[in-house]
Amino acid sequence: MCDKVHLYHTRNIMKEKRNLDIRNKLKETEIYLWEVADKLGISETHFVRKMRYELPEEEKEKILSIIDEIVRERR
């Protein structure tokens, strides 16, 4: 039992989050993933799966600009 717990924690420590720039901006602006997905015209599930892998810079810029757009709309 103890080995399984250790293995689980080891995997999580070694696992690196991707697209941190997008994740951090979402966190600081308090915008939900579903809001960005809606603007992209895709489901939240699809967006979450895309975020599992490092996105190309062009796509990141598009997402970051969508986040800025949502922030402007909230004002």
N, C-alpha and C. Protein backbone atom coordinates (compact mmCIF):
# COMPACT_ATOMS: atom_id res chain seq x y z
N MET A 1 0.84 -1.20 0.00
CA MET A 1 0.00 0.00 0.00
C MET A 1 0.87 1.25 0.00
N CYS A 2 1.86 1.28 0.83
CA CYS A 2 2.72 2.44 0.94
C CYS A 2 3.46 2.70 -0.37
N ASP A 3 3.87 1.64 -1.07
CA ASP A 3 4.57 1.80 -2.34
C ASP A 3 3.68 2.45 -3.39
N LYS A 4 2.40 2.10 -3.40
CA LYS A 4 1.48 2.69 -4.36
C LYS A 4 1.32 4.19 -4.12
N VAL A 5 1.21 4.58 -2.86
CA VAL A 5 1.08 5.99 -2.53
C VAL A 5 2.33 6.74 -2.94
N HIS A 6 3.49 6.18 -2.66
CA HIS A 6 4.75 6.81 -3.03
C HIS A 6 4.87 6.98 -4.54
N LEU A 7 4.49 5.94 -5.27
CA LEU A 7 4.55 5.98 -6.73
C LEU A 7 3.62 7.06 -7.26
N TYR A 8 2.44 7.17 -6.68
CA TYR A 8 1.47 8.18 -7.10
C TYR A 8 2.06 9.58 -6.92
N HIS A 9 2.61 9.85 -5.75
CA HIS A 9 3.19 11.16 -5.47
C HIS A 9 4.41 11.43 -6.34
N THR A 10 5.21 10.42 -6.58
CA THR A 10 6.38 10.59 -7.43
C THR A 10 5.96 10.99 -8.83
N ARG A 11 4.95 10.37 -9.36
CA ARG A 11 4.46 10.72 -10.70
C ARG A 11 3.97 12.16 -10.75
N ASN A 12 3.25 12.57 -9.73
CA ASN A 12 2.71 13.92 -9.71
C ASN A 12 3.81 14.97 -9.58
N ILE A 13 4.83 14.68 -8.83
CA ILE A 13 5.94 15.62 -8.67
C ILE A 13 6.69 15.76 -9.99
N MET A 14 6.89 14.65 -10.67
CA MET A 14 7.63 14.66 -11.91
C MET A 14 6.81 15.25 -13.06
N LYS A 15 5.51 15.21 -12.95
CA LYS A 15 4.64 15.69 -14.01
C LYS A 15 4.67 17.22 -14.02
N GLU A 16 4.96 17.77 -15.17
CA GLU A 16 5.08 19.20 -15.30
C GLU A 16 3.84 19.76 -15.98
N LYS A 17 3.29 20.84 -15.45
CA LYS A 17 2.14 21.48 -16.07
C LYS A 17 2.59 22.16 -17.36
N ARG A 18 1.75 22.10 -18.35
CA ARG A 18 2.06 22.74 -19.61
C ARG A 18 1.23 24.01 -19.77
N ASN A 19 1.68 24.88 -20.65
CA ASN A 19 0.99 26.13 -20.94
C ASN A 19 0.79 26.98 -19.69
N LEU A 20 1.84 27.07 -18.90
CA LEU A 20 1.76 27.80 -17.63
C LEU A 20 1.41 29.26 -17.82
N ASP A 21 1.86 29.87 -18.91
CA ASP A 21 1.53 31.27 -19.15
C ASP A 21 0.02 31.46 -19.27
N ILE A 22 -0.64 30.55 -19.96
CA ILE A 22 -2.10 30.63 -20.10
C ILE A 22 -2.77 30.31 -18.76
N ARG A 23 -2.32 29.27 -18.11
CA ARG A 23 -2.92 28.88 -16.82
C ARG A 23 -2.79 29.99 -15.78
N ASN A 24 -1.62 30.62 -15.72
CA ASN A 24 -1.41 31.71 -14.76
C ASN A 24 -2.29 32.91 -15.07
N LYS A 25 -2.42 33.24 -16.34
CA LYS A 25 -3.26 34.38 -16.71
C LYS A 25 -4.72 34.10 -16.39
N LEU A 26 -5.18 32.88 -16.64
CA LEU A 26 -6.55 32.51 -16.29
C LEU A 26 -6.77 32.65 -14.79
N LYS A 27 -5.80 32.23 -14.02
CA LYS A 27 -5.91 32.29 -12.57
C LYS A 27 -5.95 33.73 -12.07
N GLU A 28 -5.05 34.56 -12.58
CA GLU A 28 -4.98 35.94 -12.09
C GLU A 28 -6.17 36.78 -12.55
N THR A 29 -6.77 36.43 -13.69
CA THR A 29 -7.94 37.18 -14.18
C THR A 29 -9.26 36.55 -13.77
N GLU A 30 -9.18 35.38 -13.10
CA GLU A 30 -10.36 34.66 -12.62
C GLU A 30 -11.33 34.33 -13.76
N ILE A 31 -10.76 33.87 -14.88
CA ILE A 31 -11.55 33.46 -16.02
C ILE A 31 -11.54 31.94 -16.09
N TYR A 32 -12.69 31.37 -16.38
CA TYR A 32 -12.82 29.92 -16.42
C TYR A 32 -12.44 29.37 -17.80
N LEU A 33 -11.99 28.12 -17.80
CA LEU A 33 -11.63 27.46 -19.05
C LEU A 33 -12.81 27.42 -20.01
N TRP A 34 -14.01 27.22 -19.50
CA TRP A 34 -15.18 27.12 -20.37
C TRP A 34 -15.44 28.43 -21.11
N GLU A 35 -15.08 29.56 -20.49
CA GLU A 35 -15.29 30.85 -21.15
C GLU A 35 -14.39 31.00 -22.37
N VAL A 36 -13.15 30.57 -22.23
CA VAL A 36 -12.21 30.62 -23.35
C VAL A 36 -12.65 29.63 -24.42
N ALA A 37 -13.02 28.44 -24.02
CA ALA A 37 -13.46 27.42 -24.97
C ALA A 37 -14.66 27.92 -25.76
N ASP A 38 -15.57 28.60 -25.09
CA ASP A 38 -16.76 29.14 -25.75
C ASP A 38 -16.36 30.13 -26.84
N LYS A 39 -15.41 31.00 -26.55
CA LYS A 39 -14.93 31.99 -27.54
C LYS A 39 -14.20 31.31 -28.69
N LEU A 40 -13.55 30.19 -28.41
CA LEU A 40 -12.86 29.44 -29.46
C LEU A 40 -13.82 28.61 -30.30
N GLY A 41 -15.04 28.43 -29.80
CA GLY A 41 -16.02 27.64 -30.51
C GLY A 41 -15.83 26.14 -30.35
N ILE A 42 -15.21 25.76 -29.23
CA ILE A 42 -15.00 24.34 -28.94
C ILE A 42 -15.56 24.02 -27.56
N SER A 43 -15.69 22.73 -27.26
CA SER A 43 -16.19 22.34 -25.94
C SER A 43 -15.09 22.53 -24.89
N GLU A 44 -15.52 22.67 -23.65
CA GLU A 44 -14.57 22.79 -22.55
C GLU A 44 -13.67 21.55 -22.48
N THR A 45 -14.26 20.39 -22.70
CA THR A 45 -13.50 19.14 -22.67
C THR A 45 -12.38 19.16 -23.71
N HIS A 46 -12.72 19.59 -24.91
CA HIS A 46 -11.71 19.66 -25.98
C HIS A 46 -10.59 20.63 -25.60
N PHE A 47 -10.96 21.77 -25.04
CA PHE A 47 -9.96 22.77 -24.65
C PHE A 47 -9.04 22.22 -23.55
N VAL A 48 -9.62 21.56 -22.57
CA VAL A 48 -8.83 20.99 -21.48
C VAL A 48 -7.84 19.96 -22.03
N ARG A 49 -8.28 19.16 -22.97
CA ARG A 49 -7.39 18.17 -23.57
C ARG A 49 -6.29 18.82 -24.37
N LYS A 50 -6.59 19.91 -25.06
CA LYS A 50 -5.55 20.64 -25.81
C LYS A 50 -4.48 21.18 -24.86
N MET A 51 -4.92 21.60 -23.68
CA MET A 51 -4.00 22.20 -22.71
C MET A 51 -3.05 21.17 -22.09
N ARG A 52 -3.29 19.90 -22.30
CA ARG A 52 -2.41 18.86 -21.76
C ARG A 52 -1.04 18.88 -22.41
N TYR A 53 -0.98 19.41 -23.63
CA TYR A 53 0.27 19.45 -24.39
C TYR A 53 0.65 20.90 -24.64
N GLU A 54 1.92 21.16 -24.70
CA GLU A 54 2.39 22.53 -24.95
C GLU A 54 1.88 22.99 -26.32
N LEU A 55 1.21 24.13 -26.32
CA LEU A 55 0.63 24.65 -27.54
C LEU A 55 1.66 25.46 -28.33
N PRO A 56 1.49 25.55 -29.65
CA PRO A 56 2.37 26.40 -30.45
C PRO A 56 2.18 27.87 -30.04
N GLU A 57 3.20 28.68 -30.21
CA GLU A 57 3.15 30.09 -29.80
C GLU A 57 1.98 30.84 -30.43
N GLU A 58 1.71 30.56 -31.68
CA GLU A 58 0.61 31.24 -32.39
C GLU A 58 -0.73 30.98 -31.70
N GLU A 59 -0.95 29.74 -31.32
CA GLU A 59 -2.20 29.38 -30.65
C GLU A 59 -2.25 29.98 -29.24
N LYS A 60 -1.11 30.01 -28.55
CA LYS A 60 -1.06 30.62 -27.22
C LYS A 60 -1.43 32.10 -27.31
N GLU A 61 -0.87 32.80 -28.30
CA GLU A 61 -1.16 34.22 -28.47
C GLU A 61 -2.65 34.45 -28.70
N LYS A 62 -3.27 33.58 -29.49
CA LYS A 62 -4.70 33.69 -29.75
C LYS A 62 -5.50 33.52 -28.46
N ILE A 63 -5.14 32.53 -27.66
CA ILE A 63 -5.84 32.27 -26.40
C ILE A 63 -5.63 33.42 -25.42
N LEU A 64 -4.41 33.93 -25.34
CA LEU A 64 -4.13 35.05 -24.44
C LEU A 64 -4.91 36.29 -24.86
N SER A 65 -5.08 36.51 -26.16
CA SER A 65 -5.86 37.66 -26.61
C SER A 65 -7.35 37.46 -26.32
N ILE A 66 -7.81 36.21 -26.37
CA ILE A 66 -9.20 35.92 -26.00
C ILE A 66 -9.41 36.21 -24.52
N ILE A 67 -8.45 35.87 -23.70
CA ILE A 67 -8.55 36.16 -22.26
C ILE A 67 -8.64 37.67 -22.05
N ASP A 68 -7.79 38.43 -22.76
CA ASP A 68 -7.86 39.91 -22.66
C ASP A 68 -9.22 40.42 -23.10
N GLU A 69 -9.77 39.83 -24.15
CA GLU A 69 -11.09 40.23 -24.65
C GLU A 69 -12.17 39.99 -23.60
N ILE A 70 -12.12 38.86 -22.94
CA ILE A 70 -13.10 38.54 -21.89
C ILE A 70 -12.97 39.53 -20.73
N VAL A 71 -11.74 39.86 -20.37
CA VAL A 71 -11.52 40.84 -19.29
C VAL A 71 -12.14 42.17 -19.67
N ARG A 72 -11.93 42.63 -20.92
CA ARG A 72 -12.51 43.90 -21.38
C ARG A 72 -14.04 43.86 -21.34
N GLU A 73 -14.60 42.72 -21.73
CA GLU A 73 -16.07 42.59 -21.75
C GLU A 73 -16.67 42.66 -20.34
N ARG A 74 -15.91 42.26 -19.36
CA ARG A 74 -16.41 42.26 -17.97
C ARG A 74 -16.42 43.65 -17.35
N ARG A 75 -15.70 44.57 -17.94
CA ARG A 75 -15.63 45.93 -17.37
C ARG A 75 -16.86 46.72 -17.62
